[in-house]
Amino acid sequence: MHGYRAHPGAHWFPWLHEELAAGGIDVTPRIAQTHAIYSDNDPIVPPQASAALAARLHSTVHVIPHGGHFLTTDGFTTFPAILPILKPAP
């Protein structure tokens, strides 16, 4: 879930942890499936590179239009679009 040089205490990660925990969702790390979430205009990691990695990992792909690199400078202090991906279906 973290990008290069990112860590759980920065960006929108603390917000996401709080949202999931408040909904009773276990946030213990484990891998049952993979999702690749990337932007179509990332200036740091070319979308083609993200797509290639997603294909190698057999990930479900979610492209966020005009998201940049999902940094606070790109306007990302929260990231509600990823909640449906991470929350289990009822």
C-alpha atoms as a PDB file:
ATOM      1  CA  MET A   1       0.000   0.000   0.000  1.00  0.00           C
ATOM      2  CA  HIS A   2       2.955   2.286   0.490  1.00  0.00           C
ATOM      3  CA  GLY A   3       4.874   3.930  -2.281  1.00  0.00           C
ATOM      4  CA  TYR A   4       8.571   4.615  -2.440  1.00  0.00           C
ATOM      5  CA  ARG A   5       9.810   6.361   0.732  1.00  0.00           C
ATOM      6  CA  ALA A   6       6.305   6.355   2.223  1.00  0.00           C
ATOM      7  CA  HIS A   7       5.479   5.038   5.661  1.00  0.00           C
ATOM      8  CA  PRO A   8       2.333   4.451   7.731  1.00  0.00           C
ATOM      9  CA  GLY A   9       2.677   7.712   9.671  1.00  0.00           C
ATOM     10  CA  ALA A  10       2.610  10.054   6.686  1.00  0.00           C
ATOM     11  CA  HIS A  11       0.322  11.296   3.925  1.00  0.00           C
ATOM     12  CA  TRP A  12      -3.219   9.887   4.059  1.00  0.00           C
ATOM     13  CA  PHE A  13      -2.194   6.556   5.656  1.00  0.00           C
ATOM     14  CA  PRO A  14      -3.150   7.556   9.243  1.00  0.00           C
ATOM     15  CA  TRP A  15      -6.562   8.686   8.011  1.00  0.00           C
ATOM     16  CA  LEU A  16      -7.103   5.365   6.221  1.00  0.00           C
ATOM     17  CA  HIS A  17      -6.081   3.353   9.284  1.00  0.00           C
ATOM     18  CA  GLU A  18      -8.567   5.296  11.428  1.00  0.00           C
ATOM     19  CA  GLU A  19     -11.384   4.861   8.887  1.00  0.00           C
ATOM     20  CA  LEU A  20     -10.882   1.123   8.615  1.00  0.00           C
ATOM     21  CA  ALA A  21     -10.431   0.580  12.355  1.00  0.00           C
ATOM     22  CA  ALA A  22     -13.547   2.676  13.106  1.00  0.00           C
ATOM     23  CA  GLY A  23     -15.503   0.392  10.799  1.00  0.00           C
ATOM     24  CA  GLY A  24     -14.330  -2.663  12.698  1.00  0.00           C
ATOM     25  CA  ILE A  25     -12.015  -3.784   9.902  1.00  0.00           C
ATOM     26  CA  ASP A  26      -8.941  -5.714  10.984  1.00  0.00           C
ATOM     27  CA  VAL A  27      -5.875  -3.847   9.767  1.00  0.00           C
ATOM     28  CA  THR A  28      -3.437  -6.687  10.446  1.00  0.00           C
ATOM     29  CA  PRO A  29      -1.126  -7.021   7.423  1.00  0.00           C
ATOM     30  CA  ARG A  30      -1.818 -10.037   5.205  1.00  0.00           C
ATOM     31  CA  ILE A  31      -2.068 -10.694   1.494  1.00  0.00           C
ATOM     32  CA  ALA A  32      -5.118 -12.504   0.161  1.00  0.00           C
ATOM     33  CA  GLN A  33      -5.443 -10.483  -3.002  1.00  0.00           C
ATOM     34  CA  THR A  34      -3.647  -7.567  -4.597  1.00  0.00           C
ATOM     35  CA  HIS A  35      -4.946  -4.314  -5.960  1.00  0.00           C
ATOM     36  CA  ALA A  36      -2.939  -1.779  -7.924  1.00  0.00           C
ATOM     37  CA  ILE A  37      -4.167   1.761  -7.388  1.00  0.00           C
ATOM     38  CA  TYR A  38      -2.459   4.343  -9.523  1.00  0.00           C
ATOM     39  CA  SER A  39      -3.070   7.586 -11.338  1.00  0.00           C
ATOM     40  CA  ASP A  40      -3.206   8.181 -15.052  1.00  0.00           C
ATOM     41  CA  ASN A  41      -0.953  11.230 -14.702  1.00  0.00           C
ATOM     42  CA  ASP A  42       1.632  10.303 -12.060  1.00  0.00           C
ATOM     43  CA  PRO A  43       4.701  12.520 -12.635  1.00  0.00           C
ATOM     44  CA  ILE A  44       6.969  10.259 -10.547  1.00  0.00           C
ATOM     45  CA  VAL A  45       6.019   6.704 -11.554  1.00  0.00           C
ATOM     46  CA  PRO A  46       4.845   6.388 -15.164  1.00  0.00           C
ATOM     47  CA  PRO A  47       1.364   4.809 -15.322  1.00  0.00           C
ATOM     48  CA  GLN A  48       2.756   2.259 -17.785  1.00  0.00           C
ATOM     49  CA  ALA A  49       5.213   1.060 -15.121  1.00  0.00           C
ATOM     50  CA  SER A  50       2.404   0.722 -12.580  1.00  0.00           C
ATOM     51  CA  ALA A  51       0.316  -1.202 -15.115  1.00  0.00           C
ATOM     52  CA  ALA A  52       3.223  -3.549 -15.870  1.00  0.00           C
ATOM     53  CA  LEU A  53       3.785  -4.256 -12.164  1.00  0.00           C
ATOM     54  CA  ALA A  54       0.059  -4.838 -11.638  1.00  0.00           C
ATOM     55  CA  ALA A  55       0.058  -7.354 -14.482  1.00  0.00           C
ATOM     56  CA  ARG A  56       3.033  -9.220 -13.007  1.00  0.00           C
ATOM     57  CA  LEU A  57       1.306  -9.367  -9.612  1.00  0.00           C
ATOM     58  CA  HIS A  58      -2.052 -10.346 -11.159  1.00  0.00           C
ATOM     59  CA  SER A  59      -3.587  -7.379  -9.364  1.00  0.00           C
ATOM     60  CA  THR A  60      -7.011  -5.891  -9.792  1.00  0.00           C
ATOM     61  CA  VAL A  61      -6.333  -2.475 -11.330  1.00  0.00           C
ATOM     62  CA  HIS A  62      -7.908   0.799 -10.197  1.00  0.00           C
ATOM     63  CA  VAL A  63      -6.830   3.891 -12.122  1.00  0.00           C
ATOM     64  CA  ILE A  64      -7.610   7.194 -10.418  1.00  0.00           C
ATOM     65  CA  PRO A  65      -7.978   9.959 -13.027  1.00  0.00           C
ATOM     66  CA  HIS A  66      -5.762  13.014 -12.511  1.00  0.00           C
ATOM     67  CA  GLY A  67      -4.461  11.828  -9.108  1.00  0.00           C
ATOM     68  CA  GLY A  68      -0.825  12.689  -9.649  1.00  0.00           C
ATOM     69  CA  HIS A  69       1.276  10.731  -7.154  1.00  0.00           C
ATOM     70  CA  PHE A  70      -1.433  10.913  -4.413  1.00  0.00           C
ATOM     71  CA  LEU A  71       0.615  13.363  -2.364  1.00  0.00           C
ATOM     72  CA  THR A  72      -0.733  16.140  -0.181  1.00  0.00           C
ATOM     73  CA  THR A  73       0.597  18.540  -2.815  1.00  0.00           C
ATOM     74  CA  ASP A  74      -1.664  16.716  -5.293  1.00  0.00           C
ATOM     75  CA  GLY A  75      -4.606  17.394  -2.962  1.00  0.00           C
ATOM     76  CA  PHE A  76      -4.629  14.033  -1.179  1.00  0.00           C
ATOM     77  CA  THR A  77      -5.050  14.340   2.576  1.00  0.00           C
ATOM     78  CA  THR A  78      -7.851  11.779   2.477  1.00  0.00           C
ATOM     79  CA  PHE A  79      -8.499   9.099  -0.129  1.00  0.00           C
ATOM     80  CA  PRO A  80     -12.174   8.016   0.014  1.00  0.00           C
ATOM     81  CA  ALA A  81     -12.009   6.353  -3.426  1.00  0.00           C
ATOM     82  CA  ILE A  82     -10.015   3.465  -1.988  1.00  0.00           C
ATOM     83  CA  LEU A  83     -12.378   2.611   0.868  1.00  0.00           C
ATOM     84  CA  PRO A  84     -14.696   0.431  -1.284  1.00  0.00           C
ATOM     85  CA  ILE A  85     -11.647  -1.495  -2.481  1.00  0.00           C
ATOM     86  CA  LEU A  86     -10.445  -2.214   1.055  1.00  0.00           C
ATOM     87  CA  LYS A  87     -13.720  -2.791   2.894  1.00  0.00           C
ATOM     88  CA  PRO A  88     -15.159  -6.287   2.664  1.00  0.00           C
ATOM     89  CA  ALA A  89     -18.546  -6.724   1.016  1.00  0.00           C
ATOM     90  CA  PRO A  90     -21.433  -7.073   3.500  1.00  0.00           C
END
